[in-house]
């Protein structure tokens, strides 16, 4: 067993942090041209690229359990850890921070729909475990993937085209006129280059992930849900926290919650379809019951805490505490 695997893993993880800061800076400058809703969408899209690369590499190796765990972990990390850290950091600097409550309701309802959708194949898998119906389960997951992707496209059309006013910023934008303003070309090039670098480092990361878990005595589920999810989502998490520190809460919320929606409605179904061509077999969205319960609780809690359109540091503490409790529970699960 190679003890250098953890060194490679954590070195790759640390290298993603400055890359994530560049992604955040690029998105912030783009948001000045596009608005906070589209800026948050761009950050979530490019920030989720490492997660997609991690998942594809794991698909090739047939590590479906780790892929599913990383998807669930990424949603939890964005809903609880990134949002909580944003509320905490912003709340330390500002007494209260306001944001568009209408956009929060849209984000929350979309996340609830996404989690309900993920329970369908999981429930089917559980109910047919004793009498396998593999062909039917595979087809169910493919049809579900198509429905989720359709829902995501309609969500983008709603957010960008027909009801963009729902996502207008409420918080004051401070000191923008005193900051350097990048051109659209510079911001786009920086965003693309940083995303490619993040994807490259993510591939190194996942290559050492399984062996790191063996060396440290951690299960694949814990490695996927905590380490791969947090590191893979470092770009959007750091960006969300940075925006909150600048009192740009609508952009911060758009990054953190928008990323969760994108993972559930876009990344997950794309991976199901990609598994038909990559790896030893089709991957189905059959999450375990503890993961489904954790996702439901996270969505409900995030909606309750963020639903009034005003944040403070203690709301951030509440979200982070729940995330730490879930992480501790996963750590003590038997090694698989």
C-alpha atoms as a PDB file:
ATOM      1  CA  UNK A   1       0.000   0.000   0.000  1.00  0.00           C
ATOM      2  CA  UNK A   2       1.550   3.294  -1.099  1.00  0.00           C
ATOM      3  CA  UNK A   3       1.673   5.802   1.772  1.00  0.00           C
ATOM      4  CA  UNK A   4       2.378   8.602  -0.734  1.00  0.00           C
ATOM      5  CA  UNK A   5      -1.233   8.486  -1.973  1.00  0.00           C
ATOM      6  CA  UNK A   6      -2.512  10.775   0.836  1.00  0.00           C
ATOM      7  CA  UNK A   7       0.314  13.233   0.081  1.00  0.00           C
ATOM      8  CA  UNK A   8      -0.672  13.347  -3.604  1.00  0.00           C
ATOM      9  CA  UNK A   9      -4.354  13.612  -2.694  1.00  0.00           C
ATOM     10  CA  UNK A  10      -4.024  16.507  -0.254  1.00  0.00           C
ATOM     11  CA  UNK A  11      -1.416  18.318  -2.404  1.00  0.00           C
ATOM     12  CA  UNK A  12      -3.825  18.234  -5.351  1.00  0.00           C
ATOM     13  CA  UNK A  13      -6.616  19.422  -3.049  1.00  0.00           C
ATOM     14  CA  UNK A  14      -4.584  22.423  -1.863  1.00  0.00           C
ATOM     15  CA  UNK A  15      -3.578  23.320  -5.416  1.00  0.00           C
ATOM     16  CA  UNK A  16      -7.243  23.741  -6.363  1.00  0.00           C
ATOM     17  CA  UNK A  17      -7.707  26.608  -3.861  1.00  0.00           C
ATOM     18  CA  UNK A  18      -5.839  29.356  -5.816  1.00  0.00           C
ATOM     19  CA  UNK A  19      -7.443  28.076  -9.020  1.00  0.00           C
ATOM     20  CA  UNK A  20     -10.830  28.427  -7.340  1.00  0.00           C
ATOM     21  CA  UNK A  21     -10.032  32.013  -6.381  1.00  0.00           C
ATOM     22  CA  UNK A  22      -9.340  32.816 -10.037  1.00  0.00           C
ATOM     23  CA  UNK A  23     -12.670  31.269 -11.031  1.00  0.00           C
ATOM     24  CA  UNK A  24     -14.367  33.424  -8.392  1.00  0.00           C
ATOM     25  CA  UNK A  25     -12.674  36.624  -9.580  1.00  0.00           C
ATOM     26  CA  UNK A  26     -13.558  35.902 -13.216  1.00  0.00           C
ATOM     27  CA  UNK A  27     -17.181  35.236 -12.336  1.00  0.00           C
ATOM     28  CA  UNK A  28     -17.435  38.380 -10.227  1.00  0.00           C
ATOM     29  CA  UNK A  29     -16.280  40.531 -13.136  1.00  0.00           C
ATOM     30  CA  UNK A  30     -18.581  38.733 -15.589  1.00  0.00           C
ATOM     31  CA  UNK A  31     -21.524  39.292 -13.247  1.00  0.00           C
ATOM     32  CA  UNK A  32     -21.103  43.048 -13.740  1.00  0.00           C
ATOM     33  CA  UNK A  33     -22.040  42.546 -17.388  1.00  0.00           C
ATOM     34  CA  UNK A  34     -24.591  39.738 -17.036  1.00  0.00           C
ATOM     35  CA  UNK A  35     -26.230  40.341 -13.651  1.00  0.00           C
ATOM     36  CA  UNK A  36     -25.944  38.252 -10.487  1.00  0.00           C
ATOM     37  CA  UNK A  37     -28.285  35.434 -11.599  1.00  0.00           C
ATOM     38  CA  UNK A  38     -26.338  34.659 -14.785  1.00  0.00           C
ATOM     39  CA  UNK A  39     -23.046  35.314 -12.980  1.00  0.00           C
ATOM     40  CA  UNK A  40     -23.953  32.745 -10.365  1.00  0.00           C
ATOM     41  CA  UNK A  41     -24.974  30.306 -13.087  1.00  0.00           C
ATOM     42  CA  UNK A  42     -21.635  30.743 -14.874  1.00  0.00           C
ATOM     43  CA  UNK A  43     -19.727  30.173 -11.649  1.00  0.00           C
ATOM     44  CA  UNK A  44     -21.757  27.072 -10.819  1.00  0.00           C
ATOM     45  CA  UNK A  45     -21.235  25.697 -14.338  1.00  0.00           C
ATOM     46  CA  UNK A  46     -17.478  26.194 -14.457  1.00  0.00           C
ATOM     47  CA  UNK A  47     -17.094  25.388 -10.767  1.00  0.00           C
ATOM     48  CA  UNK A  48     -18.847  22.034 -11.253  1.00  0.00           C
ATOM     49  CA  UNK A  49     -16.447  21.023 -14.025  1.00  0.00           C
ATOM     50  CA  UNK A  50     -13.995  19.445 -11.533  1.00  0.00           C
ATOM     51  CA  UNK A  51     -16.866  17.419 -10.029  1.00  0.00           C
ATOM     52  CA  UNK A  52     -17.834  16.212 -13.488  1.00  0.00           C
ATOM     53  CA  UNK A  53     -14.244  15.251 -14.294  1.00  0.00           C
ATOM     54  CA  UNK A  54     -13.886  13.458 -10.955  1.00  0.00           C
ATOM     55  CA  UNK A  55     -17.089  11.521 -11.623  1.00  0.00           C
ATOM     56  CA  UNK A  56     -16.105  10.555 -15.183  1.00  0.00           C
ATOM     57  CA  UNK A  57     -12.708   9.258 -14.020  1.00  0.00           C
ATOM     58  CA  UNK A  58     -14.429   7.261 -11.268  1.00  0.00           C
ATOM     59  CA  UNK A  59     -16.969   5.941 -13.814  1.00  0.00           C
ATOM     60  CA  UNK A  60     -14.130   4.569 -15.944  1.00  0.00           C
ATOM     61  CA  UNK A  61     -12.855   2.697 -12.898  1.00  0.00           C
ATOM     62  CA  UNK A  62     -16.346   1.362 -12.123  1.00  0.00           C
ATOM     63  CA  UNK A  63     -16.477   3.181  -8.756  1.00  0.00           C
ATOM     64  CA  UNK A  64     -20.225   3.829  -8.918  1.00  0.00           C
ATOM     65  CA  UNK A  65     -20.626   3.959  -5.137  1.00  0.00           C
ATOM     66  CA  UNK A  66     -17.999   6.687  -4.893  1.00  0.00           C
ATOM     67  CA  UNK A  67     -19.614   8.637  -7.758  1.00  0.00           C
ATOM     68  CA  UNK A  68     -23.049   8.560  -6.111  1.00  0.00           C
ATOM     69  CA  UNK A  69     -21.518   9.550  -2.777  1.00  0.00           C
ATOM     70  CA  UNK A  70     -19.656  12.470  -4.371  1.00  0.00           C
ATOM     71  CA  UNK A  71     -22.880  13.704  -6.039  1.00  0.00           C
ATOM     72  CA  UNK A  72     -24.830  13.581  -2.776  1.00  0.00           C
ATOM     73  CA  UNK A  73     -21.876  15.084  -0.917  1.00  0.00           C
ATOM     74  CA  UNK A  74     -21.567  17.953  -3.398  1.00  0.00           C
ATOM     75  CA  UNK A  75     -25.232  18.858  -2.917  1.00  0.00           C
ATOM     76  CA  UNK A  76     -24.874  18.716   0.877  1.00  0.00           C
ATOM     77  CA  UNK A  77     -21.631  20.718   0.810  1.00  0.00           C
ATOM     78  CA  UNK A  78     -23.226  23.492  -1.241  1.00  0.00           C
ATOM     79  CA  UNK A  79     -26.505  23.615   0.684  1.00  0.00           C
ATOM     80  CA  UNK A  80     -24.982  23.442   4.163  1.00  0.00           C
ATOM     81  CA  UNK A  81     -21.232  24.099   4.185  1.00  0.00           C
ATOM     82  CA  UNK A  82     -20.835  26.706   1.410  1.00  0.00           C
ATOM     83  CA  UNK A  83     -24.056  28.551   2.270  1.00  0.00           C
ATOM     84  CA  UNK A  84     -23.294  28.350   5.981  1.00  0.00           C
ATOM     85  CA  UNK A  85     -19.724  29.602   5.556  1.00  0.00           C
ATOM     86  CA  UNK A  86     -21.011  32.447   3.362  1.00  0.00           C
ATOM     87  CA  UNK A  87     -23.548  33.485   6.012  1.00  0.00           C
ATOM     88  CA  UNK A  88     -20.870  33.224   8.726  1.00  0.00           C
ATOM     89  CA  UNK A  89     -18.165  35.215   6.930  1.00  0.00           C
ATOM     90  CA  UNK A  90     -20.599  37.837   5.646  1.00  0.00           C
ATOM     91  CA  UNK A  91     -22.312  38.050   9.044  1.00  0.00           C
ATOM     92  CA  UNK A  92     -19.038  38.693  10.868  1.00  0.00           C
ATOM     93  CA  UNK A  93     -18.380  41.695   8.626  1.00  0.00           C
ATOM     94  CA  UNK A  94     -21.988  42.950   8.341  1.00  0.00           C
ATOM     95  CA  UNK A  95     -24.667  42.839  11.055  1.00  0.00           C
ATOM     96  CA  UNK A  96     -27.359  41.635   8.630  1.00  0.00           C
ATOM     97  CA  UNK A  97     -27.311  40.957   4.887  1.00  0.00           C
ATOM     98  CA  UNK A  98     -30.372  41.060   2.642  1.00  0.00           C
ATOM     99  CA  UNK A  99     -31.025  39.132  -0.557  1.00  0.00           C
ATOM    100  CA  UNK A 100     -33.901  38.416  -2.921  1.00  0.00           C
ATOM    101  CA  UNK A 101     -36.376  36.176  -1.089  1.00  0.00           C
ATOM    102  CA  UNK A 102     -38.217  35.295  -4.327  1.00  0.00           C
ATOM    103  CA  UNK A 103     -35.104  33.701  -5.808  1.00  0.00           C
ATOM    104  CA  UNK A 104     -34.605  31.655  -2.617  1.00  0.00           C
ATOM    105  CA  UNK A 105     -38.109  30.214  -2.978  1.00  0.00           C
ATOM    106  CA  UNK A 106     -37.393  29.212  -6.574  1.00  0.00           C
ATOM    107  CA  UNK A 107     -34.058  27.624  -5.611  1.00  0.00           C
ATOM    108  CA  UNK A 108     -35.653  25.764  -2.681  1.00  0.00           C
ATOM    109  CA  UNK A 109     -38.554  24.387  -4.720  1.00  0.00           C
ATOM    110  CA  UNK A 110     -36.200  23.251  -7.485  1.00  0.00           C
ATOM    111  CA  UNK A 111     -33.976  21.456  -4.967  1.00  0.00           C
ATOM    112  CA  UNK A 112     -36.963  19.736  -3.371  1.00  0.00           C
ATOM    113  CA  UNK A 113     -38.162  18.559  -6.796  1.00  0.00           C
ATOM    114  CA  UNK A 114     -34.652  17.313  -7.579  1.00  0.00           C
ATOM    115  CA  UNK A 115     -34.396  15.293  -4.349  1.00  0.00           C
ATOM    116  CA  UNK A 116     -37.883  13.830  -4.863  1.00  0.00           C
ATOM    117  CA  UNK A 117     -36.791  12.793  -8.364  1.00  0.00           C
ATOM    118  CA  UNK A 118     -33.734  11.025  -6.939  1.00  0.00           C
ATOM    119  CA  UNK A 119     -35.931   8.983  -4.584  1.00  0.00           C
ATOM    120  CA  UNK A 120     -37.757   7.376  -7.535  1.00  0.00           C
ATOM    121  CA  UNK A 121     -34.890   5.187  -8.832  1.00  0.00           C
ATOM    122  CA  UNK A 122     -33.628   4.653  -5.278  1.00  0.00           C
ATOM    123  CA  UNK A 123     -37.032   3.404  -4.159  1.00  0.00           C
ATOM    124  CA  UNK A 124     -37.390   1.197  -7.239  1.00  0.00           C
ATOM    125  CA  UNK A 125     -33.981  -0.359  -6.553  1.00  0.00           C
ATOM    126  CA  UNK A 126     -34.892  -1.077  -2.910  1.00  0.00           C
ATOM    127  CA  UNK A 127     -38.298  -2.573  -3.728  1.00  0.00           C
ATOM    128  CA  UNK A 128     -36.907  -4.874  -6.427  1.00  0.00           C
ATOM    129  CA  UNK A 129     -33.738  -5.905  -4.565  1.00  0.00           C
ATOM    130  CA  UNK A 130     -35.041  -9.394  -3.787  1.00  0.00           C
ATOM    131  CA  UNK A 131     -36.349  -9.994  -7.325  1.00  0.00           C
ATOM    132  CA  UNK A 132     -33.930  -8.155  -9.631  1.00  0.00           C
ATOM    133  CA  UNK A 133     -35.463  -6.237 -12.547  1.00  0.00           C
ATOM    134  CA  UNK A 134     -32.224  -4.880 -13.941  1.00  0.00           C
ATOM    135  CA  UNK A 135     -33.508  -4.109 -17.448  1.00  0.00           C
ATOM    136  CA  UNK A 136     -36.490  -2.151 -16.107  1.00  0.00           C
ATOM    137  CA  UNK A 137     -34.319  -0.306 -13.582  1.00  0.00           C
ATOM    138  CA  UNK A 138     -31.849   0.694 -16.294  1.00  0.00           C
ATOM    139  CA  UNK A 139     -34.603   2.036 -18.545  1.00  0.00           C
ATOM    140  CA  UNK A 140     -36.237   3.889 -15.637  1.00  0.00           C
ATOM    141  CA  UNK A 141     -32.960   5.692 -14.923  1.00  0.00           C
ATOM    142  CA  UNK A 142     -32.453   6.657 -18.571  1.00  0.00           C
ATOM    143  CA  UNK A 143     -35.989   8.069 -18.845  1.00  0.00           C
ATOM    144  CA  UNK A 144     -35.532   9.871 -15.519  1.00  0.00           C
ATOM    145  CA  UNK A 145     -32.262  11.379 -16.748  1.00  0.00           C
ATOM    146  CA  UNK A 146     -34.042  12.768 -19.826  1.00  0.00           C
ATOM    147  CA  UNK A 147     -36.843  14.246 -17.687  1.00  0.00           C
ATOM    148  CA  UNK A 148     -34.347  15.889 -15.285  1.00  0.00           C
ATOM    149  CA  UNK A 149     -32.339  17.387 -18.150  1.00  0.00           C
ATOM    150  CA  UNK A 150     -35.552  18.756 -19.693  1.00  0.00           C
ATOM    151  CA  UNK A 151     -36.497  20.279 -16.348  1.00  0.00           C
ATOM    152  CA  UNK A 152     -33.073  21.897 -16.054  1.00  0.00           C
ATOM    153  CA  UNK A 153     -33.309  23.467 -19.521  1.00  0.00           C
ATOM    154  CA  UNK A 154     -36.747  24.886 -18.665  1.00  0.00           C
ATOM    155  CA  UNK A 155     -35.366  26.196 -15.349  1.00  0.00           C
ATOM    156  CA  UNK A 156     -32.621  28.066 -17.231  1.00  0.00           C
ATOM    157  CA  UNK A 157     -35.194  29.504 -19.656  1.00  0.00           C
ATOM    158  CA  UNK A 158     -37.317  30.646 -16.698  1.00  0.00           C
ATOM    159  CA  UNK A 159     -34.346  32.211 -14.871  1.00  0.00           C
ATOM    160  CA  UNK A 160     -32.672  33.942 -17.813  1.00  0.00           C
ATOM    161  CA  UNK A 161     -35.482  34.688 -20.258  1.00  0.00           C
ATOM    162  CA  UNK A 162     -39.034  34.871 -18.944  1.00  0.00           C
ATOM    163  CA  UNK A 163     -38.659  35.744 -15.231  1.00  0.00           C
ATOM    164  CA  UNK A 164     -35.229  37.299 -14.834  1.00  0.00           C
ATOM    165  CA  UNK A 165     -36.824  39.894 -12.514  1.00  0.00           C
ATOM    166  CA  UNK A 166     -37.295  37.157  -9.887  1.00  0.00           C
ATOM    167  CA  UNK A 167     -33.507  37.024  -9.488  1.00  0.00           C
ATOM    168  CA  UNK A 168     -32.674  40.726  -9.233  1.00  0.00           C
ATOM    169  CA  UNK A 169     -30.229  41.666  -6.490  1.00  0.00           C
ATOM    170  CA  UNK A 170     -31.502  43.173  -3.243  1.00  0.00           C
ATOM    171  CA  UNK A 171     -28.232  43.851  -1.455  1.00  0.00           C
ATOM    172  CA  UNK A 172     -26.197  46.984  -2.023  1.00  0.00           C
ATOM    173  CA  UNK A 173     -23.175  46.723  -4.256  1.00  0.00           C
ATOM    174  CA  UNK A 174     -20.310  48.497  -2.632  1.00  0.00           C
ATOM    175  CA  UNK A 175     -17.114  49.993  -3.961  1.00  0.00           C
ATOM    176  CA  UNK A 176     -17.487  48.583  -7.484  1.00  0.00           C
ATOM    177  CA  UNK A 177     -16.588  51.906  -8.986  1.00  0.00           C
ATOM    178  CA  UNK A 178     -13.231  51.820  -7.139  1.00  0.00           C
ATOM    179  CA  UNK A 179     -12.324  48.313  -8.322  1.00  0.00           C
ATOM    180  CA  UNK A 180     -10.573  47.329 -11.506  1.00  0.00           C
ATOM    181  CA  UNK A 181     -13.082  46.233 -14.124  1.00  0.00           C
ATOM    182  CA  UNK A 182     -12.015  43.375 -16.375  1.00  0.00           C
ATOM    183  CA  UNK A 183     -13.095  43.207 -19.996  1.00  0.00           C
ATOM    184  CA  UNK A 184     -15.502  40.412 -20.955  1.00  0.00           C
ATOM    185  CA  UNK A 185     -12.732  38.770 -23.005  1.00  0.00           C
ATOM    186  CA  UNK A 186     -10.269  38.755 -20.114  1.00  0.00           C
ATOM    187  CA  UNK A 187     -12.868  37.432 -17.675  1.00  0.00           C
ATOM    188  CA  UNK A 188     -13.984  34.643 -20.045  1.00  0.00           C
ATOM    189  CA  UNK A 189     -10.433  33.550 -20.889  1.00  0.00           C
ATOM    190  CA  UNK A 190      -9.467  33.539 -17.201  1.00  0.00           C
ATOM    191  CA  UNK A 191     -12.575  31.508 -16.362  1.00  0.00           C
ATOM    192  CA  UNK A 192     -11.930  28.894 -19.050  1.00  0.00           C
ATOM    193  CA  UNK A 193      -8.213  28.544 -18.226  1.00  0.00           C
ATOM    194  CA  UNK A 194      -8.872  28.265 -14.479  1.00  0.00           C
ATOM    195  CA  UNK A 195     -11.607  25.669 -15.057  1.00  0.00           C
ATOM    196  CA  UNK A 196      -9.297  23.539 -17.228  1.00  0.00           C
ATOM    197  CA  UNK A 197      -6.590  23.703 -14.555  1.00  0.00           C
ATOM    198  CA  UNK A 198      -9.110  22.696 -11.910  1.00  0.00           C
ATOM    199  CA  UNK A 199     -10.237  19.764 -14.056  1.00  0.00           C
ATOM    200  CA  UNK A 200      -6.616  18.617 -14.526  1.00  0.00           C
ATOM    201  CA  UNK A 201      -5.886  18.713 -10.788  1.00  0.00           C
ATOM    202  CA  UNK A 202      -9.182  16.958 -10.075  1.00  0.00           C
ATOM    203  CA  UNK A 203      -8.112  14.013 -12.232  1.00  0.00           C
ATOM    204  CA  UNK A 204      -4.930  13.680 -10.160  1.00  0.00           C
ATOM    205  CA  UNK A 205      -7.058  13.943  -7.034  1.00  0.00           C
ATOM    206  CA  UNK A 206      -9.418  11.117  -7.901  1.00  0.00           C
ATOM    207  CA  UNK A 207      -6.506   8.933  -8.994  1.00  0.00           C
ATOM    208  CA  UNK A 208      -5.241   8.919  -5.410  1.00  0.00           C
ATOM    209  CA  UNK A 209      -8.649   8.978  -3.673  1.00  0.00           C
ATOM    210  CA  UNK A 210      -9.341   5.266  -3.245  1.00  0.00           C
ATOM    211  CA  UNK A 211      -5.841   4.440  -2.022  1.00  0.00           C
ATOM    212  CA  UNK A 212      -5.944   7.414   0.349  1.00  0.00           C
ATOM    213  CA  UNK A 213      -9.110   5.974   1.877  1.00  0.00           C
ATOM    214  CA  UNK A 214      -7.396   2.607   2.366  1.00  0.00           C
ATOM    215  CA  UNK A 215      -4.308   4.174   3.960  1.00  0.00           C
ATOM    216  CA  UNK A 216      -6.360   6.361   6.321  1.00  0.00           C
ATOM    217  CA  UNK A 217      -8.987   3.694   7.043  1.00  0.00           C
ATOM    218  CA  UNK A 218     -11.889   5.603   5.513  1.00  0.00           C
ATOM    219  CA  UNK A 219     -14.792   4.195   3.495  1.00  0.00           C
ATOM    220  CA  UNK A 220     -15.352   5.000  -0.169  1.00  0.00           C
ATOM    221  CA  UNK A 221     -18.625   6.680   0.829  1.00  0.00           C
ATOM    222  CA  UNK A 222     -16.830   9.020   3.258  1.00  0.00           C
ATOM    223  CA  UNK A 223     -14.071   9.785   0.732  1.00  0.00           C
ATOM    224  CA  UNK A 224     -16.693  10.521  -1.944  1.00  0.00           C
ATOM    225  CA  UNK A 225     -19.157  12.490   0.180  1.00  0.00           C
ATOM    226  CA  UNK A 226     -16.662  14.580   2.132  1.00  0.00           C
ATOM    227  CA  UNK A 227     -13.242  14.856   0.492  1.00  0.00           C
ATOM    228  CA  UNK A 228     -14.094  14.574  -3.211  1.00  0.00           C
ATOM    229  CA  UNK A 229     -17.278  16.622  -2.843  1.00  0.00           C
ATOM    230  CA  UNK A 230     -15.682  19.447  -0.846  1.00  0.00           C
ATOM    231  CA  UNK A 231     -12.533  19.628  -2.973  1.00  0.00           C
ATOM    232  CA  UNK A 232     -14.428  19.209  -6.251  1.00  0.00           C
ATOM    233  CA  UNK A 233     -16.746  22.036  -5.198  1.00  0.00           C
ATOM    234  CA  UNK A 234     -13.985  24.265  -3.823  1.00  0.00           C
ATOM    235  CA  UNK A 235     -14.268  26.683  -6.745  1.00  0.00           C
ATOM    236  CA  UNK A 236     -17.892  27.630  -6.221  1.00  0.00           C
ATOM    237  CA  UNK A 237     -17.626  27.422  -2.407  1.00  0.00           C
ATOM    238  CA  UNK A 238     -14.724  29.890  -2.228  1.00  0.00           C
ATOM    239  CA  UNK A 239     -16.485  32.125  -4.750  1.00  0.00           C
ATOM    240  CA  UNK A 240     -19.701  32.120  -2.712  1.00  0.00           C
ATOM    241  CA  UNK A 241     -17.826  32.990   0.496  1.00  0.00           C
ATOM    242  CA  UNK A 242     -15.862  35.738  -1.272  1.00  0.00           C
ATOM    243  CA  UNK A 243     -19.045  37.322  -2.615  1.00  0.00           C
ATOM    244  CA  UNK A 244     -20.660  37.225   0.826  1.00  0.00           C
ATOM    245  CA  UNK A 245     -17.620  39.005   2.298  1.00  0.00           C
ATOM    246  CA  UNK A 246     -18.216  41.769  -0.276  1.00  0.00           C
ATOM    247  CA  UNK A 247     -21.910  42.005   0.687  1.00  0.00           C
ATOM    248  CA  UNK A 248     -23.037  40.544  -2.659  1.00  0.00           C
ATOM    249  CA  UNK A 249     -25.388  37.999  -1.135  1.00  0.00           C
ATOM    250  CA  UNK A 250     -27.561  37.439  -4.204  1.00  0.00           C
ATOM    251  CA  UNK A 251     -24.501  36.377  -6.181  1.00  0.00           C
ATOM    252  CA  UNK A 252     -23.290  34.264  -3.238  1.00  0.00           C
ATOM    253  CA  UNK A 253     -26.658  32.511  -2.893  1.00  0.00           C
ATOM    254  CA  UNK A 254     -26.901  32.071  -6.659  1.00  0.00           C
ATOM    255  CA  UNK A 255     -23.532  30.301  -6.704  1.00  0.00           C
ATOM    256  CA  UNK A 256     -24.102  27.979  -3.733  1.00  0.00           C
ATOM    257  CA  UNK A 257     -27.730  26.978  -4.309  1.00  0.00           C
ATOM    258  CA  UNK A 258     -27.487  27.202  -8.105  1.00  0.00           C
ATOM    259  CA  UNK A 259     -24.605  24.728  -8.003  1.00  0.00           C
ATOM    260  CA  UNK A 260     -26.691  22.246  -5.988  1.00  0.00           C
ATOM    261  CA  UNK A 261     -29.516  22.476  -8.506  1.00  0.00           C
ATOM    262  CA  UNK A 262     -27.114  21.989 -11.397  1.00  0.00           C
ATOM    263  CA  UNK A 263     -25.580  18.887  -9.809  1.00  0.00           C
ATOM    264  CA  UNK A 264     -28.977  17.285  -9.183  1.00  0.00           C
ATOM    265  CA  UNK A 265     -30.694  18.226 -12.458  1.00  0.00           C
ATOM    266  CA  UNK A 266     -27.760  18.302 -14.889  1.00  0.00           C
ATOM    267  CA  UNK A 267     -24.588  16.574 -13.664  1.00  0.00           C
ATOM    268  CA  UNK A 268     -26.316  13.487 -12.207  1.00  0.00           C
ATOM    269  CA  UNK A 269     -28.454  12.667 -15.297  1.00  0.00           C
ATOM    270  CA  UNK A 270     -25.537  13.406 -17.650  1.00  0.00           C
ATOM    271  CA  UNK A 271     -23.435  10.872 -15.734  1.00  0.00           C
ATOM    272  CA  UNK A 272     -26.184   8.249 -16.068  1.00  0.00           C
ATOM    273  CA  UNK A 273     -26.164   8.715 -19.846  1.00  0.00           C
ATOM    274  CA  UNK A 274     -22.356   8.845 -20.016  1.00  0.00           C
ATOM    275  CA  UNK A 275     -22.091   5.570 -18.081  1.00  0.00           C
ATOM    276  CA  UNK A 276     -23.621   3.836 -21.124  1.00  0.00           C
ATOM    277  CA  UNK A 277     -20.386   4.626 -22.972  1.00  0.00           C
ATOM    278  CA  UNK A 278     -17.815   4.950 -20.153  1.00  0.00           C
ATOM    279  CA  UNK A 279     -16.845   2.236 -17.708  1.00  0.00           C
ATOM    280  CA  UNK A 280     -17.925  -1.363 -17.186  1.00  0.00           C
ATOM    281  CA  UNK A 281     -21.692  -0.766 -16.998  1.00  0.00           C
ATOM    282  CA  UNK A 282     -24.582   1.645 -16.532  1.00  0.00           C
ATOM    283  CA  UNK A 283     -24.678   3.674 -13.340  1.00  0.00           C
ATOM    284  CA  UNK A 284     -28.106   4.124 -11.802  1.00  0.00           C
ATOM    285  CA  UNK A 285     -29.154   6.816  -9.325  1.00  0.00           C
ATOM    286  CA  UNK A 286     -29.840   4.297  -6.558  1.00  0.00           C
ATOM    287  CA  UNK A 287     -28.855   6.258  -3.461  1.00  0.00           C
ATOM    288  CA  UNK A 288     -29.037   4.555  -0.079  1.00  0.00           C
ATOM    289  CA  UNK A 289     -31.807   5.542   2.300  1.00  0.00           C
ATOM    290  CA  UNK A 290     -29.460   7.436   4.676  1.00  0.00           C
ATOM    291  CA  UNK A 291     -28.243   9.575   1.771  1.00  0.00           C
ATOM    292  CA  UNK A 292     -31.791  10.341   0.614  1.00  0.00           C
ATOM    293  CA  UNK A 293     -32.818  11.278   4.166  1.00  0.00           C
ATOM    294  CA  UNK A 294     -29.729  13.496   4.505  1.00  0.00           C
ATOM    295  CA  UNK A 295     -30.544  15.272   1.230  1.00  0.00           C
ATOM    296  CA  UNK A 296     -34.181  15.859   2.253  1.00  0.00           C
ATOM    297  CA  UNK A 297     -33.143  17.253   5.635  1.00  0.00           C
ATOM    298  CA  UNK A 298     -30.528  19.513   4.035  1.00  0.00           C
ATOM    299  CA  UNK A 299     -33.029  20.963   1.543  1.00  0.00           C
ATOM    300  CA  UNK A 300     -35.665  21.570   4.225  1.00  0.00           C
ATOM    301  CA  UNK A 301     -33.159  23.115   6.645  1.00  0.00           C
ATOM    302  CA  UNK A 302     -31.584  25.370   3.990  1.00  0.00           C
ATOM    303  CA  UNK A 303     -35.064  26.552   2.924  1.00  0.00           C
ATOM    304  CA  UNK A 304     -36.044  27.314   6.539  1.00  0.00           C
ATOM    305  CA  UNK A 305     -32.828  29.128   7.447  1.00  0.00           C
ATOM    306  CA  UNK A 306     -32.498  31.157   4.232  1.00  0.00           C
ATOM    307  CA  UNK A 307     -36.183  31.635   3.470  1.00  0.00           C
ATOM    308  CA  UNK A 308     -36.670  35.061   5.079  1.00  0.00           C
ATOM    309  CA  UNK A 309     -34.269  36.908   2.762  1.00  0.00           C
ATOM    310  CA  UNK A 310     -31.903  38.014   5.534  1.00  0.00           C
ATOM    311  CA  UNK A 311     -28.730  36.329   6.793  1.00  0.00           C
ATOM    312  CA  UNK A 312     -26.474  36.682   9.838  1.00  0.00           C
ATOM    313  CA  UNK A 313     -23.470  34.849  11.241  1.00  0.00           C
ATOM    314  CA  UNK A 314     -25.468  32.547  13.532  1.00  0.00           C
ATOM    315  CA  UNK A 315     -27.544  31.191  10.651  1.00  0.00           C
ATOM    316  CA  UNK A 316     -24.234  30.183   9.101  1.00  0.00           C
ATOM    317  CA  UNK A 317     -23.226  28.397  12.306  1.00  0.00           C
ATOM    318  CA  UNK A 318     -26.500  26.432  12.272  1.00  0.00           C
ATOM    319  CA  UNK A 319     -25.927  25.157   8.723  1.00  0.00           C
ATOM    320  CA  UNK A 320     -22.269  24.276   9.358  1.00  0.00           C
ATOM    321  CA  UNK A 321     -23.141  22.374  12.558  1.00  0.00           C
ATOM    322  CA  UNK A 322     -25.601  20.140  10.701  1.00  0.00           C
ATOM    323  CA  UNK A 323     -22.998  19.461   7.995  1.00  0.00           C
ATOM    324  CA  UNK A 324     -20.409  18.478  10.627  1.00  0.00           C
ATOM    325  CA  UNK A 325     -22.912  16.131  12.286  1.00  0.00           C
ATOM    326  CA  UNK A 326     -23.559  14.378   8.976  1.00  0.00           C
ATOM    327  CA  UNK A 327     -19.816  14.140   8.290  1.00  0.00           C
ATOM    328  CA  UNK A 328     -19.187  12.544  11.688  1.00  0.00           C
ATOM    329  CA  UNK A 329     -21.957  10.002  11.094  1.00  0.00           C
ATOM    330  CA  UNK A 330     -20.405   9.029   7.747  1.00  0.00           C
ATOM    331  CA  UNK A 331     -16.917   8.771   9.227  1.00  0.00           C
ATOM    332  CA  UNK A 332     -18.007   6.059  11.617  1.00  0.00           C
ATOM    333  CA  UNK A 333     -19.791   4.007   8.964  1.00  0.00           C
ATOM    334  CA  UNK A 334     -18.063   0.657   8.387  1.00  0.00           C
ATOM    335  CA  UNK A 335     -15.237   0.795   5.800  1.00  0.00           C
ATOM    336  CA  UNK A 336     -16.323  -0.576   2.385  1.00  0.00           C
END
